[in-house]
C-alpha atoms as a PDB file:
ATOM      1  CA  MET A   1     252.150  87.504 202.446  1.00  0.00           C
ATOM      2  CA  ALA A   2     255.065  85.407 201.212  1.00  0.00           C
ATOM      3  CA  LYS A   3     255.418  84.812 197.494  1.00  0.00           C
ATOM      4  CA  ARG A   4     254.162  81.350 196.571  1.00  0.00           C
ATOM      5  CA  LYS A   5     256.366  79.072 194.558  1.00  0.00           C
ATOM      6  CA  ILE A   6     254.694  77.748 191.458  1.00  0.00           C
ATOM      7  CA  ILE A   7     254.330  73.987 191.655  1.00  0.00           C
ATOM      8  CA  SER A   8     257.782  72.377 191.736  1.00  0.00           C
ATOM      9  CA  MET A   9     259.599  74.683 189.311  1.00  0.00           C
ATOM     10  CA  GLY A  10     262.836  76.271 190.390  1.00  0.00           C
ATOM     11  CA  ASN A  11     263.140  80.041 190.616  1.00  0.00           C
ATOM     12  CA  ILE A  12     264.962  80.330 187.290  1.00  0.00           C
ATOM     13  CA  VAL A  13     262.282  78.440 185.379  1.00  0.00           C
ATOM     14  CA  GLU A  14     259.482  80.239 187.196  1.00  0.00           C
ATOM     15  CA  ASN A  15     260.969  83.663 186.448  1.00  0.00           C
ATOM     16  CA  TYR A  16     261.518  82.766 182.798  1.00  0.00           C
ATOM     17  CA  VAL A  17     258.086  81.386 182.000  1.00  0.00           C
ATOM     18  CA  MET A  18     256.109  83.959 183.986  1.00  0.00           C
ATOM     19  CA  ASN A  19     257.859  86.992 182.453  1.00  0.00           C
ATOM     20  CA  ASP A  20     257.556  88.518 178.984  1.00  0.00           C
ATOM     21  CA  LEU A  21     260.844  90.383 179.365  1.00  0.00           C
ATOM     22  CA  VAL A  22     263.134  87.419 178.704  1.00  0.00           C
ATOM     23  CA  TRP A  23     265.522  86.520 175.915  1.00  0.00           C
ATOM     24  CA  LYS A  24     263.948  84.598 173.081  1.00  0.00           C
ATOM     25  CA  VAL A  25     265.874  82.697 170.411  1.00  0.00           C
ATOM     26  CA  ASP A  26     264.474  81.650 167.052  1.00  0.00           C
ATOM     27  CA  VAL A  27     266.559  78.482 167.007  1.00  0.00           C
ATOM     28  CA  PRO A  28     265.560  77.253 163.516  1.00  0.00           C
ATOM     29  CA  ALA A  29     266.263  80.662 161.953  1.00  0.00           C
ATOM     30  CA  PHE A  30     269.531  80.957 163.878  1.00  0.00           C
ATOM     31  CA  LEU A  31     270.743  77.575 162.641  1.00  0.00           C
ATOM     32  CA  GLN A  32     269.692  78.390 159.078  1.00  0.00           C
ATOM     33  CA  GLU A  33     271.562  81.691 159.226  1.00  0.00           C
ATOM     34  CA  ILE A  34     274.757  79.940 160.327  1.00  0.00           C
ATOM     35  CA  VAL A  35     274.451  77.331 157.572  1.00  0.00           C
ATOM     36  CA  THR A  36     273.826  80.007 154.940  1.00  0.00           C
ATOM     37  CA  ALA A  37     276.762  82.147 156.084  1.00  0.00           C
ATOM     38  CA  SER A  38     279.162  79.201 156.462  1.00  0.00           C
ATOM     39  CA  ARG A  39     278.994  77.338 153.169  1.00  0.00           C
ATOM     40  CA  ASN A  40     282.530  75.903 153.482  1.00  0.00           C
ATOM     41  CA  THR A  41     282.090  74.321 156.901  1.00  0.00           C
ATOM     42  CA  PRO A  42     280.531  71.017 158.002  1.00  0.00           C
ATOM     43  CA  TYR A  43     277.702  72.768 159.893  1.00  0.00           C
ATOM     44  CA  LYS A  44     275.007  71.737 157.443  1.00  0.00           C
ATOM     45  CA  ALA A  45     275.052  68.038 158.388  1.00  0.00           C
ATOM     46  CA  THR A  46     275.471  68.784 162.086  1.00  0.00           C
ATOM     47  CA  PHE A  47     272.563  71.221 162.124  1.00  0.00           C
ATOM     48  CA  LYS A  48     270.381  68.852 160.135  1.00  0.00           C
ATOM     49  CA  ILE A  49     270.897  66.255 162.877  1.00  0.00           C
ATOM     50  CA  LEU A  50     270.286  68.896 165.562  1.00  0.00           C
ATOM     51  CA  ASN A  51     267.134  70.018 163.753  1.00  0.00           C
ATOM     52  CA  ASN A  52     265.840  66.434 163.742  1.00  0.00           C
ATOM     53  CA  VAL A  53     266.538  66.044 167.461  1.00  0.00           C
ATOM     54  CA  LEU A  54     264.838  69.375 168.197  1.00  0.00           C
ATOM     55  CA  ALA A  55     261.804  68.198 166.203  1.00  0.00           C
ATOM     56  CA  ILE A  56     261.666  65.081 168.402  1.00  0.00           C
ATOM     57  CA  LEU A  57     261.973  67.286 171.483  1.00  0.00           C
ATOM     58  CA  ALA A  58     259.135  69.502 170.237  1.00  0.00           C
ATOM     59  CA  GLN A  59     256.939  66.474 169.576  1.00  0.00           C
ATOM     60  CA  ARG A  60     257.549  65.132 173.074  1.00  0.00           C
ATOM     61  CA  ALA A  61     256.855  68.548 174.593  1.00  0.00           C
ATOM     62  CA  ILE A  62     253.541  68.624 172.717  1.00  0.00           C
ATOM     63  CA  GLU A  63     252.692  65.176 174.089  1.00  0.00           C
ATOM     64  CA  LEU A  64     253.531  66.260 177.653  1.00  0.00           C
ATOM     65  CA  ASN A  65     251.571  69.501 177.274  1.00  0.00           C
ATOM     66  CA  ASP A  66     253.333  71.075 180.264  1.00  0.00           C
ATOM     67  CA  PRO A  67     252.534  74.809 180.352  1.00  0.00           C
ATOM     68  CA  ALA A  68     256.019  75.917 181.443  1.00  0.00           C
ATOM     69  CA  LEU A  69     257.648  73.725 178.803  1.00  0.00           C
ATOM     70  CA  ASN A  70     255.220  75.051 176.200  1.00  0.00           C
ATOM     71  CA  ILE A  71     256.286  78.635 176.938  1.00  0.00           C
ATOM     72  CA  ILE A  72     259.968  77.704 176.698  1.00  0.00           C
ATOM     73  CA  MET A  73     259.400  75.926 173.395  1.00  0.00           C
ATOM     74  CA  LEU A  74     257.508  78.951 172.043  1.00  0.00           C
ATOM     75  CA  ASN A  75     260.357  81.258 173.105  1.00  0.00           C
ATOM     76  CA  LEU A  76     262.759  79.023 171.183  1.00  0.00           C
ATOM     77  CA  SER A  77     260.426  79.008 168.142  1.00  0.00           C
ATOM     78  CA  LEU A  78     260.339  75.228 168.233  1.00  0.00           C
ATOM     79  CA  TYR A  79     256.552  75.054 167.881  1.00  0.00           C
ATOM     80  CA  ASP A  80     254.665  75.847 164.702  1.00  0.00           C
ATOM     81  CA  GLY A  81     252.970  79.176 165.154  1.00  0.00           C
ATOM     82  CA  SER A  82     255.662  80.593 167.432  1.00  0.00           C
ATOM     83  CA  HIS A  83     255.512  83.816 165.423  1.00  0.00           C
ATOM     84  CA  GLY A  84     251.725  84.033 165.262  1.00  0.00           C
ATOM     85  CA  LYS A  85     249.720  87.129 166.139  1.00  0.00           C
ATOM     86  CA  ASP A  86     248.107  85.387 169.091  1.00  0.00           C
ATOM     87  CA  ILE A  87     251.355  84.292 170.763  1.00  0.00           C
ATOM     88  CA  LYS A  88     250.830  86.628 173.745  1.00  0.00           C
ATOM     89  CA  GLU A  89     247.385  85.128 174.311  1.00  0.00           C
ATOM     90  CA  ILE A  90     248.774  81.607 174.118  1.00  0.00           C
ATOM     91  CA  LYS A  91     251.479  82.425 176.676  1.00  0.00           C
ATOM     92  CA  ALA A  92     248.914  84.094 178.951  1.00  0.00           C
ATOM     93  CA  ARG A  93     246.743  80.977 178.775  1.00  0.00           C
ATOM     94  CA  GLU A  94     249.732  78.775 179.625  1.00  0.00           C
ATOM     95  CA  ARG A  95     250.644  81.038 182.558  1.00  0.00           C
ATOM     96  CA  ASN A  96     247.070  80.780 183.811  1.00  0.00           C
ATOM     97  CA  ARG A  97     247.373  76.991 183.640  1.00  0.00           C
ATOM     98  CA  ILE A  98     250.550  77.210 185.739  1.00  0.00           C
ATOM     99  CA  LEU A  99     248.825  79.383 188.326  1.00  0.00           C
ATOM    100  CA  GLU A 100     245.788  77.080 188.393  1.00  0.00           C
ATOM    101  CA  GLN A 101     248.021  74.040 188.908  1.00  0.00           C
ATOM    102  CA  SER A 102     249.770  75.901 191.699  1.00  0.00           C
ATOM    103  CA  ARG A 103     246.477  76.706 193.406  1.00  0.00           C
ATOM    104  CA  ASN A 104     245.392  73.066 193.099  1.00  0.00           C
ATOM    105  CA  CYS A 105     248.658  71.885 194.677  1.00  0.00           C
ATOM    106  CA  ILE A 106     248.252  74.215 197.660  1.00  0.00           C
ATOM    107  CA  LYS A 107     244.745  72.995 198.521  1.00  0.00           C
END
């Protein structure tokens, strides 16, 4: 049996969101670390702007409630609770939503 493609995602996105063994980046912590370590550079203002844009992105992702996008946002720590104890359960639930959407598209 041939492997089914999940909805309309490309292979890269599909592999990333359906796999726990992927790189994750805590973007807010990363930006804070750079600002803290680089007191004599103009990063602070730049990262404050970037942080605001990322907050807008996170809000829009919440509004869209796309399961693949939700997993990506969790892996980037752009959602509150990205470090919670139940993060694996949340990702599993989102992956189940992806699979359910895929089954509905095939019918």
